[in-house]
Amino acid sequence: MFTGIVEELGEVTAVEILDDASRFRLRGPVVTQGAQHGDSIAVNGVCLTVVEHEGDEFTADVMAETLDRSSLGALTVGSRVNLERPMAVGERLGGHIVQGHVDGTGTVIERKPSENWEIVKISLPADLSRYVVEKGSITVDGISLTVVDAGPDFFTVSLIPTTLDLTTLGHKQAGDPVNLEVDVIAKYVERLLGARGEQPVALPDTQGSGR
């Protein structure tokens, strides 16, 4: 399990295209400290398994299913990636519960810079929109973020300077793909209510008319 608090901005150093998979070699001095074969590391929000580890680099295999559901297939040598190790038991949960299982991809629609933050609008697949609510949590490229506005086919997030400086979202431009993981709790609630034949109750508008 991860928290969506990116530890470092890593780099793809090699890509090998296989018949039904790809093998990536990535550099990350922080996340490779003490890394061993079989360990998990989240790469742009995708939980990958360390196959080889040497120095400050590690190798991971990515199956066709993962390539189809995520944006990892678009990575090339030199691409920057968000890296995070799993949360250790007993540590603080700084973001929210992140599984590293990408639900789909979105596309950066536009960026609106401000003096102290930046608003980023991202497209949202129709089958995921029901899980995204204003002020709820969402994972974008492995980053735990709070939803500002949620529409039927988009959502917005507000990024502070630290997020812009230390993650891939500081470099993404309109048209670039991003990995999305919705809050797993919402999916479990939907499944449980569906099994009982109940429909989720719509939440009231807490923003008021002054919004």
N, C-alpha and C. Protein backbone atom coordinates (compact mmCIF):
# COMPACT_ATOMS: atom_id res chain seq x y z
N MET A 1 0.84 -1.19 0.00
CA MET A 1 0.00 0.00 0.00
C MET A 1 0.87 1.25 0.00
N PHE A 2 0.42 2.28 -0.70
CA PHE A 2 1.14 3.53 -0.79
C PHE A 2 0.28 4.66 -0.22
N THR A 3 0.85 5.86 -0.15
CA THR A 3 0.12 6.98 0.40
C THR A 3 -0.09 8.11 -0.61
N GLY A 4 0.59 8.03 -1.76
CA GLY A 4 0.47 9.10 -2.73
C GLY A 4 1.36 10.29 -2.44
N ILE A 5 2.31 10.12 -1.51
CA ILE A 5 3.30 11.15 -1.22
C ILE A 5 4.59 10.78 -1.95
N VAL A 6 4.83 11.42 -3.07
CA VAL A 6 5.97 11.08 -3.93
C VAL A 6 7.28 11.35 -3.20
N GLU A 7 8.19 10.37 -3.24
CA GLU A 7 9.47 10.51 -2.55
C GLU A 7 10.53 11.20 -3.41
N GLU A 8 10.47 10.96 -4.71
CA GLU A 8 11.45 11.61 -5.58
C GLU A 8 11.00 11.54 -7.03
N LEU A 9 11.58 12.41 -7.83
CA LEU A 9 11.36 12.44 -9.26
C LEU A 9 12.49 11.65 -9.91
N GLY A 10 12.15 10.46 -10.39
CA GLY A 10 13.14 9.58 -11.00
C GLY A 10 13.21 9.75 -12.51
N GLU A 11 13.97 8.87 -13.14
CA GLU A 11 14.17 8.97 -14.59
C GLU A 11 14.26 7.59 -15.22
N VAL A 12 13.65 7.43 -16.39
CA VAL A 12 13.76 6.19 -17.15
C VAL A 12 15.11 6.18 -17.86
N THR A 13 15.91 5.13 -17.63
CA THR A 13 17.23 5.06 -18.25
C THR A 13 17.31 4.04 -19.37
N ALA A 14 16.34 3.12 -19.45
CA ALA A 14 16.34 2.13 -20.53
C ALA A 14 14.94 1.55 -20.67
N VAL A 15 14.56 1.22 -21.90
CA VAL A 15 13.27 0.58 -22.18
C VAL A 15 13.51 -0.57 -23.14
N GLU A 16 13.04 -1.76 -22.77
CA GLU A 16 13.14 -2.94 -23.63
C GLU A 16 11.73 -3.42 -23.95
N ILE A 17 11.38 -3.42 -25.24
CA ILE A 17 10.06 -3.87 -25.67
C ILE A 17 10.08 -5.38 -25.89
N LEU A 18 9.24 -6.11 -25.17
CA LEU A 18 9.13 -7.55 -25.29
C LEU A 18 7.86 -7.92 -26.06
N ASP A 19 7.61 -9.21 -26.24
CA ASP A 19 6.44 -9.64 -27.03
C ASP A 19 5.13 -9.16 -26.43
N ASP A 20 4.94 -9.36 -25.14
CA ASP A 20 3.68 -8.98 -24.50
C ASP A 20 3.93 -8.19 -23.22
N ALA A 21 5.04 -7.51 -23.16
CA ALA A 21 5.40 -6.74 -21.97
C ALA A 21 6.52 -5.77 -22.33
N SER A 22 6.91 -4.98 -21.36
CA SER A 22 8.07 -4.09 -21.51
C SER A 22 8.89 -4.17 -20.23
N ARG A 23 10.19 -3.94 -20.38
CA ARG A 23 11.08 -3.92 -19.21
C ARG A 23 11.69 -2.53 -19.11
N PHE A 24 11.49 -1.90 -17.95
CA PHE A 24 12.00 -0.55 -17.73
C PHE A 24 13.14 -0.58 -16.72
N ARG A 25 14.14 0.24 -17.00
CA ARG A 25 15.19 0.49 -16.01
C ARG A 25 15.05 1.94 -15.59
N LEU A 26 15.02 2.16 -14.28
CA LEU A 26 14.74 3.48 -13.75
C LEU A 26 15.76 3.88 -12.70
N ARG A 27 16.08 5.17 -12.67
CA ARG A 27 17.00 5.69 -11.67
C ARG A 27 16.24 6.40 -10.56
N GLY A 28 16.56 6.04 -9.32
CA GLY A 28 15.93 6.67 -8.16
C GLY A 28 16.79 6.45 -6.93
N PRO A 29 17.71 7.37 -6.64
CA PRO A 29 18.62 7.18 -5.51
C PRO A 29 17.93 6.98 -4.17
N VAL A 30 16.77 7.60 -3.98
CA VAL A 30 16.06 7.49 -2.69
C VAL A 30 15.36 6.15 -2.56
N VAL A 31 14.55 5.79 -3.55
CA VAL A 31 13.73 4.58 -3.43
C VAL A 31 14.55 3.29 -3.56
N THR A 32 15.77 3.39 -4.08
CA THR A 32 16.59 2.18 -4.21
C THR A 32 17.42 1.90 -2.97
N GLN A 33 17.37 2.80 -1.99
CA GLN A 33 18.11 2.55 -0.75
C GLN A 33 17.54 1.32 -0.04
N GLY A 34 18.34 0.30 0.06
CA GLY A 34 17.91 -0.93 0.71
C GLY A 34 16.97 -1.78 -0.13
N ALA A 35 16.79 -1.43 -1.40
CA ALA A 35 15.87 -2.19 -2.27
C ALA A 35 16.40 -3.60 -2.52
N GLN A 36 15.46 -4.54 -2.60
CA GLN A 36 15.81 -5.92 -2.87
C GLN A 36 14.90 -6.49 -3.95
N HIS A 37 15.32 -7.60 -4.54
CA HIS A 37 14.49 -8.28 -5.53
C HIS A 37 13.13 -8.62 -4.93
N GLY A 38 12.06 -8.28 -5.65
CA GLY A 38 10.71 -8.58 -5.17
C GLY A 38 10.04 -7.44 -4.45
N ASP A 39 10.79 -6.39 -4.12
CA ASP A 39 10.19 -5.22 -3.48
C ASP A 39 9.26 -4.50 -4.44
N SER A 40 8.33 -3.74 -3.88
CA SER A 40 7.40 -2.94 -4.68
C SER A 40 7.83 -1.47 -4.68
N ILE A 41 7.71 -0.84 -5.85
CA ILE A 41 7.93 0.60 -5.98
C ILE A 41 6.87 1.13 -6.92
N ALA A 42 6.21 2.20 -6.53
CA ALA A 42 5.19 2.81 -7.39
C ALA A 42 5.88 3.75 -8.38
N VAL A 43 5.58 3.55 -9.66
CA VAL A 43 6.12 4.38 -10.74
C VAL A 43 4.96 5.08 -11.42
N ASN A 44 4.87 6.40 -11.24
CA ASN A 44 3.72 7.16 -11.74
C ASN A 44 2.40 6.54 -11.29
N GLY A 45 2.42 6.05 -10.05
CA GLY A 45 1.19 5.50 -9.48
C GLY A 45 0.93 4.05 -9.77
N VAL A 46 1.82 3.38 -10.50
CA VAL A 46 1.66 1.97 -10.83
C VAL A 46 2.60 1.14 -9.96
N CYS A 47 2.06 0.21 -9.21
CA CYS A 47 2.86 -0.65 -8.35
C CYS A 47 3.63 -1.65 -9.20
N LEU A 48 4.96 -1.55 -9.21
CA LEU A 48 5.82 -2.45 -9.97
C LEU A 48 6.74 -3.22 -9.03
N THR A 49 7.20 -4.38 -9.49
CA THR A 49 8.07 -5.23 -8.69
C THR A 49 9.51 -5.10 -9.16
N VAL A 50 10.40 -4.92 -8.20
CA VAL A 50 11.82 -4.81 -8.52
C VAL A 50 12.34 -6.18 -8.97
N VAL A 51 12.84 -6.22 -10.22
CA VAL A 51 13.41 -7.46 -10.76
C VAL A 51 14.91 -7.49 -10.52
N GLU A 52 15.57 -6.36 -10.80
CA GLU A 52 17.00 -6.23 -10.57
C GLU A 52 17.27 -4.89 -9.92
N HIS A 53 18.35 -4.83 -9.17
CA HIS A 53 18.73 -3.58 -8.49
C HIS A 53 20.24 -3.46 -8.48
N GLU A 54 20.73 -2.34 -8.98
CA GLU A 54 22.17 -2.10 -8.99
C GLU A 54 22.42 -0.60 -8.81
N GLY A 55 23.14 -0.25 -7.76
CA GLY A 55 23.41 1.16 -7.50
C GLY A 55 22.13 1.91 -7.23
N ASP A 56 21.93 3.00 -7.95
CA ASP A 56 20.72 3.80 -7.76
C ASP A 56 19.68 3.54 -8.84
N GLU A 57 19.77 2.38 -9.50
CA GLU A 57 18.82 2.02 -10.55
C GLU A 57 18.16 0.68 -10.24
N PHE A 58 16.93 0.51 -10.75
CA PHE A 58 16.24 -0.77 -10.62
C PHE A 58 15.50 -1.07 -11.92
N THR A 59 15.23 -2.35 -12.12
CA THR A 59 14.54 -2.82 -13.32
C THR A 59 13.20 -3.41 -12.92
N ALA A 60 12.17 -3.15 -13.73
CA ALA A 60 10.83 -3.68 -13.47
C ALA A 60 10.18 -4.10 -14.78
N ASP A 61 9.46 -5.21 -14.75
CA ASP A 61 8.71 -5.68 -15.91
C ASP A 61 7.28 -5.17 -15.83
N VAL A 62 6.73 -4.76 -16.97
CA VAL A 62 5.37 -4.24 -17.03
C VAL A 62 4.57 -5.08 -18.02
N MET A 63 3.50 -5.74 -17.54
CA MET A 63 2.68 -6.62 -18.37
C MET A 63 1.83 -5.81 -19.35
N ALA A 64 1.32 -6.52 -20.36
CA ALA A 64 0.48 -5.87 -21.37
C ALA A 64 -0.76 -5.24 -20.74
N GLU A 65 -1.36 -5.92 -19.73
CA GLU A 65 -2.54 -5.38 -19.06
C GLU A 65 -2.24 -4.02 -18.44
N THR A 66 -1.08 -3.90 -17.79
CA THR A 66 -0.69 -2.64 -17.17
C THR A 66 -0.41 -1.58 -18.22
N LEU A 67 0.24 -1.96 -19.32
CA LEU A 67 0.52 -1.02 -20.40
C LEU A 67 -0.77 -0.50 -21.02
N ASP A 68 -1.79 -1.38 -21.11
CA ASP A 68 -3.07 -0.98 -21.70
C ASP A 68 -3.85 -0.04 -20.79
N ARG A 69 -3.74 -0.23 -19.47
CA ARG A 69 -4.54 0.54 -18.53
C ARG A 69 -3.86 1.80 -18.02
N SER A 70 -2.58 1.94 -18.28
CA SER A 70 -1.83 3.07 -17.75
C SER A 70 -1.10 3.81 -18.87
N SER A 71 -0.40 4.86 -18.47
CA SER A 71 0.37 5.64 -19.43
C SER A 71 1.83 5.21 -19.49
N LEU A 72 2.18 4.11 -18.83
CA LEU A 72 3.57 3.68 -18.80
C LEU A 72 4.09 3.33 -20.19
N GLY A 73 3.21 2.92 -21.08
CA GLY A 73 3.64 2.58 -22.43
C GLY A 73 4.17 3.77 -23.21
N ALA A 74 3.86 4.98 -22.74
CA ALA A 74 4.32 6.19 -23.42
C ALA A 74 5.68 6.65 -22.91
N LEU A 75 6.22 5.98 -21.89
CA LEU A 75 7.51 6.38 -21.35
C LEU A 75 8.65 6.04 -22.30
N THR A 76 9.62 6.92 -22.38
CA THR A 76 10.82 6.70 -23.19
C THR A 76 12.04 7.02 -22.33
N VAL A 77 13.21 6.70 -22.86
CA VAL A 77 14.44 7.02 -22.13
C VAL A 77 14.51 8.53 -21.88
N GLY A 78 14.72 8.89 -20.65
CA GLY A 78 14.77 10.30 -20.28
C GLY A 78 13.49 10.81 -19.64
N SER A 79 12.40 10.03 -19.74
CA SER A 79 11.14 10.45 -19.13
C SER A 79 11.30 10.53 -17.61
N ARG A 80 10.72 11.58 -17.01
CA ARG A 80 10.72 11.72 -15.57
C ARG A 80 9.51 10.99 -15.00
N VAL A 81 9.67 10.36 -13.85
CA VAL A 81 8.60 9.57 -13.24
C VAL A 81 8.56 9.82 -11.73
N ASN A 82 7.35 9.74 -11.18
CA ASN A 82 7.16 9.84 -9.74
C ASN A 82 7.42 8.49 -9.10
N LEU A 83 8.22 8.48 -8.04
CA LEU A 83 8.58 7.22 -7.38
C LEU A 83 8.20 7.27 -5.91
N GLU A 84 7.68 6.15 -5.42
CA GLU A 84 7.33 6.03 -4.00
C GLU A 84 7.46 4.58 -3.56
N ARG A 85 8.07 4.38 -2.41
CA ARG A 85 8.11 3.05 -1.81
C ARG A 85 6.83 2.81 -0.99
N PRO A 86 6.47 1.56 -0.73
CA PRO A 86 5.28 1.27 0.07
C PRO A 86 5.41 1.86 1.47
N MET A 87 4.28 2.16 2.07
CA MET A 87 4.27 2.68 3.43
C MET A 87 4.60 1.55 4.42
N ALA A 88 5.50 1.83 5.34
CA ALA A 88 5.83 0.85 6.36
C ALA A 88 4.78 0.89 7.47
N VAL A 89 4.51 -0.26 8.07
CA VAL A 89 3.54 -0.33 9.17
C VAL A 89 4.00 0.56 10.32
N GLY A 90 3.08 1.37 10.82
CA GLY A 90 3.39 2.25 11.93
C GLY A 90 3.75 3.65 11.52
N GLU A 91 3.94 3.89 10.21
CA GLU A 91 4.24 5.24 9.75
C GLU A 91 2.97 6.04 9.55
N ARG A 92 3.11 7.36 9.48
CA ARG A 92 1.96 8.24 9.24
C ARG A 92 1.44 8.07 7.82
N LEU A 93 0.12 8.11 7.67
CA LEU A 93 -0.50 8.07 6.36
C LEU A 93 -0.66 9.51 5.88
N GLY A 94 0.35 10.01 5.16
CA GLY A 94 0.38 11.42 4.81
C GLY A 94 -0.62 11.82 3.75
N GLY A 95 -0.94 10.91 2.82
CA GLY A 95 -1.90 11.23 1.76
C GLY A 95 -3.22 10.52 2.01
N HIS A 96 -3.50 9.47 1.20
CA HIS A 96 -4.66 8.63 1.44
C HIS A 96 -4.30 7.22 0.99
N ILE A 97 -5.20 6.26 1.17
CA ILE A 97 -4.90 4.88 0.82
C ILE A 97 -4.79 4.74 -0.70
N VAL A 98 -3.59 4.40 -1.17
CA VAL A 98 -3.33 4.23 -2.60
C VAL A 98 -2.82 2.81 -2.82
N GLN A 99 -3.47 2.07 -3.72
CA GLN A 99 -3.09 0.68 -3.96
C GLN A 99 -2.00 0.53 -5.01
N GLY A 100 -1.87 1.51 -5.88
CA GLY A 100 -0.94 1.37 -7.00
C GLY A 100 -1.55 0.58 -8.13
N HIS A 101 -2.89 0.47 -8.13
CA HIS A 101 -3.62 -0.22 -9.19
C HIS A 101 -4.39 0.84 -9.99
N VAL A 102 -3.83 1.24 -11.11
CA VAL A 102 -4.41 2.32 -11.90
C VAL A 102 -5.76 1.91 -12.47
N ASP A 103 -6.75 2.79 -12.34
CA ASP A 103 -8.10 2.52 -12.84
C ASP A 103 -8.27 2.96 -14.29
N GLY A 104 -7.46 3.89 -14.74
CA GLY A 104 -7.58 4.40 -16.10
C GLY A 104 -6.66 5.60 -16.28
N THR A 105 -6.75 6.20 -17.43
CA THR A 105 -5.92 7.37 -17.71
C THR A 105 -6.78 8.57 -18.06
N GLY A 106 -6.25 9.75 -17.76
CA GLY A 106 -6.88 11.00 -18.14
C GLY A 106 -5.88 11.80 -18.96
N THR A 107 -6.29 12.97 -19.38
CA THR A 107 -5.43 13.84 -20.17
C THR A 107 -5.47 15.24 -19.58
N VAL A 108 -4.32 15.86 -19.46
CA VAL A 108 -4.29 17.25 -19.00
C VAL A 108 -5.00 18.12 -20.04
N ILE A 109 -6.04 18.84 -19.60
CA ILE A 109 -6.81 19.69 -20.51
C ILE A 109 -6.24 21.10 -20.55
N GLU A 110 -6.02 21.67 -19.37
CA GLU A 110 -5.46 23.02 -19.31
C GLU A 110 -4.84 23.28 -17.95
N ARG A 111 -3.98 24.29 -17.90
CA ARG A 111 -3.35 24.72 -16.67
C ARG A 111 -3.60 26.21 -16.49
N LYS A 112 -3.93 26.60 -15.26
CA LYS A 112 -4.16 28.01 -14.95
C LYS A 112 -3.23 28.42 -13.81
N PRO A 113 -2.11 29.03 -14.13
CA PRO A 113 -1.15 29.42 -13.09
C PRO A 113 -1.64 30.61 -12.29
N SER A 114 -1.26 30.62 -11.03
CA SER A 114 -1.53 31.74 -10.14
C SER A 114 -0.23 32.09 -9.44
N GLU A 115 -0.27 33.06 -8.55
CA GLU A 115 0.96 33.50 -7.89
C GLU A 115 1.54 32.43 -6.99
N ASN A 116 0.68 31.72 -6.26
CA ASN A 116 1.17 30.75 -5.28
C ASN A 116 0.71 29.32 -5.52
N TRP A 117 -0.06 29.08 -6.55
CA TRP A 117 -0.50 27.72 -6.86
C TRP A 117 -0.91 27.68 -8.32
N GLU A 118 -1.31 26.48 -8.76
CA GLU A 118 -1.75 26.32 -10.15
C GLU A 118 -2.92 25.35 -10.20
N ILE A 119 -3.94 25.71 -10.96
CA ILE A 119 -5.09 24.84 -11.15
C ILE A 119 -4.89 24.03 -12.43
N VAL A 120 -5.03 22.72 -12.32
CA VAL A 120 -4.88 21.83 -13.48
C VAL A 120 -6.19 21.10 -13.71
N LYS A 121 -6.68 21.16 -14.94
CA LYS A 121 -7.92 20.49 -15.32
C LYS A 121 -7.56 19.22 -16.10
N ILE A 122 -8.16 18.10 -15.68
CA ILE A 122 -7.82 16.80 -16.24
C ILE A 122 -9.09 16.07 -16.68
N SER A 123 -9.04 15.45 -17.84
CA SER A 123 -10.20 14.70 -18.33
C SER A 123 -10.41 13.46 -17.47
N LEU A 124 -11.67 13.02 -17.40
CA LEU A 124 -12.04 11.91 -16.53
C LEU A 124 -12.87 10.90 -17.32
N PRO A 125 -12.42 9.64 -17.43
CA PRO A 125 -13.21 8.62 -18.12
C PRO A 125 -14.60 8.49 -17.52
N ALA A 126 -15.59 8.26 -18.37
CA ALA A 126 -16.98 8.21 -17.92
C ALA A 126 -17.21 7.16 -16.84
N ASP A 127 -16.52 6.02 -16.92
CA ASP A 127 -16.76 4.96 -15.95
C ASP A 127 -16.12 5.23 -14.59
N LEU A 128 -15.36 6.31 -14.47
CA LEU A 128 -14.74 6.65 -13.19
C LEU A 128 -15.36 7.87 -12.54
N SER A 129 -16.16 8.61 -13.28
CA SER A 129 -16.66 9.89 -12.77
C SER A 129 -17.51 9.73 -11.52
N ARG A 130 -18.20 8.60 -11.36
CA ARG A 130 -19.07 8.43 -10.19
C ARG A 130 -18.26 8.28 -8.90
N TYR A 131 -16.99 8.00 -9.01
CA TYR A 131 -16.16 7.84 -7.81
C TYR A 131 -15.45 9.13 -7.40
N VAL A 132 -15.58 10.18 -8.20
CA VAL A 132 -14.84 11.41 -7.95
C VAL A 132 -15.79 12.48 -7.46
N VAL A 133 -15.51 13.03 -6.29
CA VAL A 133 -16.37 14.06 -5.68
C VAL A 133 -15.53 15.25 -5.25
N GLU A 134 -16.17 16.39 -5.19
CA GLU A 134 -15.48 17.59 -4.72
C GLU A 134 -14.96 17.38 -3.31
N LYS A 135 -13.72 17.79 -3.11
CA LYS A 135 -13.01 17.67 -1.83
C LYS A 135 -12.67 16.24 -1.48
N GLY A 136 -12.90 15.31 -2.40
CA GLY A 136 -12.49 13.94 -2.19
C GLY A 136 -11.05 13.73 -2.64
N SER A 137 -10.56 12.52 -2.50
CA SER A 137 -9.17 12.21 -2.86
C SER A 137 -9.11 11.49 -4.20
N ILE A 138 -8.05 11.76 -4.95
CA ILE A 138 -7.78 11.06 -6.19
C ILE A 138 -6.27 10.99 -6.36
N THR A 139 -5.80 9.95 -7.02
CA THR A 139 -4.37 9.79 -7.27
C THR A 139 -4.09 10.08 -8.74
N VAL A 140 -3.21 11.03 -9.00
CA VAL A 140 -2.83 11.41 -10.36
C VAL A 140 -1.34 11.16 -10.52
N ASP A 141 -0.97 10.22 -11.39
CA ASP A 141 0.44 9.85 -11.57
C ASP A 141 1.10 9.52 -10.24
N GLY A 142 0.33 8.89 -9.36
CA GLY A 142 0.88 8.47 -8.07
C GLY A 142 0.87 9.53 -7.00
N ILE A 143 0.27 10.70 -7.29
CA ILE A 143 0.25 11.81 -6.34
C ILE A 143 -1.12 11.90 -5.69
N SER A 144 -1.17 11.88 -4.37
CA SER A 144 -2.42 12.05 -3.64
C SER A 144 -2.84 13.51 -3.70
N LEU A 145 -4.02 13.76 -4.30
CA LEU A 145 -4.49 15.12 -4.48
C LEU A 145 -5.94 15.24 -4.04
N THR A 146 -6.35 16.46 -3.71
CA THR A 146 -7.73 16.76 -3.36
C THR A 146 -8.44 17.34 -4.57
N VAL A 147 -9.61 16.82 -4.88
CA VAL A 147 -10.40 17.30 -6.00
C VAL A 147 -11.00 18.66 -5.66
N VAL A 148 -10.81 19.64 -6.53
CA VAL A 148 -11.39 20.96 -6.33
C VAL A 148 -12.78 21.00 -6.94
N ASP A 149 -12.89 20.73 -8.22
CA ASP A 149 -14.17 20.65 -8.92
C ASP A 149 -14.28 19.30 -9.61
N ALA A 150 -15.48 18.74 -9.63
CA ALA A 150 -15.71 17.45 -10.29
C ALA A 150 -16.87 17.58 -11.27
N GLY A 151 -16.59 17.38 -12.54
CA GLY A 151 -17.62 17.41 -13.57
C GLY A 151 -17.88 16.02 -14.10
N PRO A 152 -18.78 15.88 -15.07
CA PRO A 152 -19.11 14.56 -15.61
C PRO A 152 -17.96 13.93 -16.38
N ASP A 153 -17.07 14.76 -16.93
CA ASP A 153 -15.96 14.21 -17.71
C ASP A 153 -14.64 14.92 -17.43
N PHE A 154 -14.55 15.56 -16.28
CA PHE A 154 -13.31 16.24 -15.90
C PHE A 154 -13.27 16.47 -14.40
N PHE A 155 -12.10 16.82 -13.91
CA PHE A 155 -11.95 17.29 -12.53
C PHE A 155 -10.77 18.24 -12.51
N THR A 156 -10.68 19.05 -11.46
CA THR A 156 -9.55 19.96 -11.31
C THR A 156 -8.87 19.73 -9.97
N VAL A 157 -7.59 20.02 -9.94
CA VAL A 157 -6.81 19.94 -8.72
C VAL A 157 -5.98 21.21 -8.60
N SER A 158 -5.67 21.59 -7.38
CA SER A 158 -4.85 22.76 -7.12
C SER A 158 -3.49 22.30 -6.63
N LEU A 159 -2.44 22.76 -7.30
CA LEU A 159 -1.10 22.29 -7.00
C LEU A 159 -0.27 23.39 -6.34
N ILE A 160 0.35 23.05 -5.22
CA ILE A 160 1.22 23.99 -4.52
C ILE A 160 2.62 23.94 -5.16
N PRO A 161 3.46 24.92 -4.89
CA PRO A 161 4.81 24.94 -5.49
C PRO A 161 5.61 23.67 -5.26
N THR A 162 5.49 23.07 -4.06
CA THR A 162 6.24 21.84 -3.78
C THR A 162 5.86 20.73 -4.74
N THR A 163 4.57 20.55 -4.99
CA THR A 163 4.11 19.53 -5.93
C THR A 163 4.59 19.83 -7.33
N LEU A 164 4.56 21.09 -7.73
CA LEU A 164 5.02 21.48 -9.06
C LEU A 164 6.52 21.23 -9.22
N ASP A 165 7.28 21.45 -8.17
CA ASP A 165 8.73 21.31 -8.26
C ASP A 165 9.20 19.86 -8.19
N LEU A 166 8.50 19.03 -7.41
CA LEU A 166 9.02 17.70 -7.08
C LEU A 166 8.29 16.55 -7.74
N THR A 167 7.32 16.82 -8.63
CA THR A 167 6.60 15.74 -9.30
C THR A 167 6.46 16.02 -10.79
N THR A 168 5.96 15.02 -11.51
CA THR A 168 5.78 15.15 -12.95
C THR A 168 4.73 16.19 -13.32
N LEU A 169 3.81 16.50 -12.40
CA LEU A 169 2.75 17.45 -12.73
C LEU A 169 3.29 18.86 -12.93
N GLY A 170 4.51 19.10 -12.50
CA GLY A 170 5.11 20.39 -12.76
C GLY A 170 5.55 20.55 -14.20
N HIS A 171 5.60 19.41 -14.94
CA HIS A 171 6.08 19.43 -16.32
C HIS A 171 5.03 19.02 -17.34
N LYS A 172 3.93 18.46 -16.88
CA LYS A 172 2.90 18.01 -17.81
C LYS A 172 2.25 19.19 -18.53
N GLN A 173 1.99 19.01 -19.82
CA GLN A 173 1.34 20.05 -20.61
C GLN A 173 0.00 19.54 -21.14
N ALA A 174 -0.81 20.45 -21.66
CA ALA A 174 -2.11 20.06 -22.23
C ALA A 174 -1.90 18.97 -23.28
N GLY A 175 -2.68 17.90 -23.16
CA GLY A 175 -2.57 16.77 -24.08
C GLY A 175 -1.77 15.61 -23.53
N ASP A 176 -1.02 15.82 -22.45
CA ASP A 176 -0.23 14.74 -21.86
C ASP A 176 -1.11 13.80 -21.04
N PRO A 177 -0.85 12.49 -21.12
CA PRO A 177 -1.65 11.53 -20.34
C PRO A 177 -1.17 11.43 -18.90
N VAL A 178 -2.10 11.08 -18.01
CA VAL A 178 -1.78 10.86 -16.60
C VAL A 178 -2.53 9.63 -16.11
N ASN A 179 -1.93 8.91 -15.17
CA ASN A 179 -2.57 7.75 -14.57
C ASN A 179 -3.52 8.19 -13.45
N LEU A 180 -4.68 7.54 -13.39
CA LEU A 180 -5.67 7.88 -12.39
C LEU A 180 -6.03 6.65 -11.55
N GLU A 181 -6.08 6.86 -10.24
CA GLU A 181 -6.60 5.83 -9.33
C GLU A 181 -7.59 6.51 -8.40
N VAL A 182 -8.83 6.06 -8.46
CA VAL A 182 -9.86 6.65 -7.62
C VAL A 182 -9.79 6.05 -6.22
N ASP A 183 -10.51 6.65 -5.30
CA ASP A 183 -10.51 6.21 -3.91
C ASP A 183 -11.11 4.81 -3.81
N VAL A 184 -10.33 3.84 -3.35
CA VAL A 184 -10.78 2.45 -3.30
C VAL A 184 -11.98 2.29 -2.36
N ILE A 185 -12.10 3.14 -1.34
CA ILE A 185 -13.22 3.04 -0.41
C ILE A 185 -14.54 3.24 -1.14
N ALA A 186 -14.56 4.18 -2.10
CA ALA A 186 -15.78 4.43 -2.87
C ALA A 186 -16.19 3.20 -3.67
N LYS A 187 -15.21 2.49 -4.21
CA LYS A 187 -15.53 1.30 -5.00
C LYS A 187 -16.08 0.18 -4.12
N TYR A 188 -15.53 0.03 -2.93
CA TYR A 188 -16.03 -1.00 -2.02
C TYR A 188 -17.46 -0.68 -1.56
N VAL A 189 -17.72 0.59 -1.27
CA VAL A 189 -19.07 0.99 -0.86
C VAL A 189 -20.07 0.69 -1.96
N GLU A 190 -19.72 1.02 -3.20
CA GLU A 190 -20.61 0.76 -4.33
C GLU A 190 -20.89 -0.74 -4.45
N ARG A 191 -19.86 -1.54 -4.33
CA ARG A 191 -20.00 -2.99 -4.46
C ARG A 191 -20.90 -3.55 -3.36
N LEU A 192 -20.71 -3.10 -2.12
CA LEU A 192 -21.50 -3.60 -1.01
C LEU A 192 -22.97 -3.19 -1.13
N LEU A 193 -23.22 -1.94 -1.52
CA LEU A 193 -24.60 -1.49 -1.69
C LEU A 193 -25.27 -2.22 -2.84
N GLY A 194 -24.51 -2.48 -3.91
CA GLY A 194 -25.06 -3.20 -5.04
C GLY A 194 -25.46 -4.62 -4.68
N ALA A 195 -24.67 -5.25 -3.82
CA ALA A 195 -24.97 -6.62 -3.39
C ALA A 195 -26.24 -6.67 -2.57
N ARG A 196 -26.59 -5.55 -1.92
CA ARG A 196 -27.80 -5.49 -1.11
C ARG A 196 -28.98 -4.91 -1.89
N GLY A 197 -28.74 -4.59 -3.15
CA GLY A 197 -29.81 -4.04 -3.98
C GLY A 197 -30.12 -2.59 -3.69
N GLU A 198 -29.17 -1.89 -3.05
CA GLU A 198 -29.38 -0.49 -2.71
C GLU A 198 -28.62 0.41 -3.68
N GLN A 199 -29.10 1.63 -3.80
CA GLN A 199 -28.44 2.64 -4.62
C GLN A 199 -27.77 3.65 -3.71
N PRO A 200 -26.54 4.07 -4.08
CA PRO A 200 -25.88 5.09 -3.26
C PRO A 200 -26.72 6.36 -3.18
N VAL A 201 -26.74 6.97 -2.01
CA VAL A 201 -27.51 8.20 -1.81
C VAL A 201 -26.69 9.40 -2.28
N ALA A 202 -27.32 10.27 -3.07
CA ALA A 202 -26.62 11.45 -3.57
C ALA A 202 -26.29 12.38 -2.41
N LEU A 203 -25.05 12.90 -2.40
CA LEU A 203 -24.64 13.81 -1.34
C LEU A 203 -25.22 15.19 -1.59
N PRO A 204 -25.63 15.91 -0.55
CA PRO A 204 -26.16 17.26 -0.72
C PRO A 204 -25.07 18.23 -1.11
N ASP A 205 -25.44 19.32 -1.76
CA ASP A 205 -24.49 20.35 -2.13
C ASP A 205 -24.15 21.17 -0.90
N THR A 206 -22.91 20.98 -0.42
CA THR A 206 -22.49 21.68 0.79
C THR A 206 -21.79 23.00 0.50
N GLN A 207 -21.71 23.34 -0.79
CA GLN A 207 -20.99 24.55 -1.16
C GLN A 207 -21.83 25.80 -0.99
N GLY A 208 -23.17 25.63 -1.07
CA GLY A 208 -24.06 26.77 -0.89
C GLY A 208 -24.13 27.64 -2.13
N SER A 209 -25.02 28.60 -2.11
CA SER A 209 -25.24 29.46 -3.27
C SER A 209 -24.14 30.48 -3.46
N GLY A 210 -23.28 30.63 -2.47
CA GLY A 210 -22.21 31.62 -2.58
C GLY A 210 -21.01 31.12 -3.34
N ARG A 211 -21.07 29.90 -3.87
CA ARG A 211 -19.93 29.33 -4.58
C ARG A 211 -19.65 30.06 -5.87
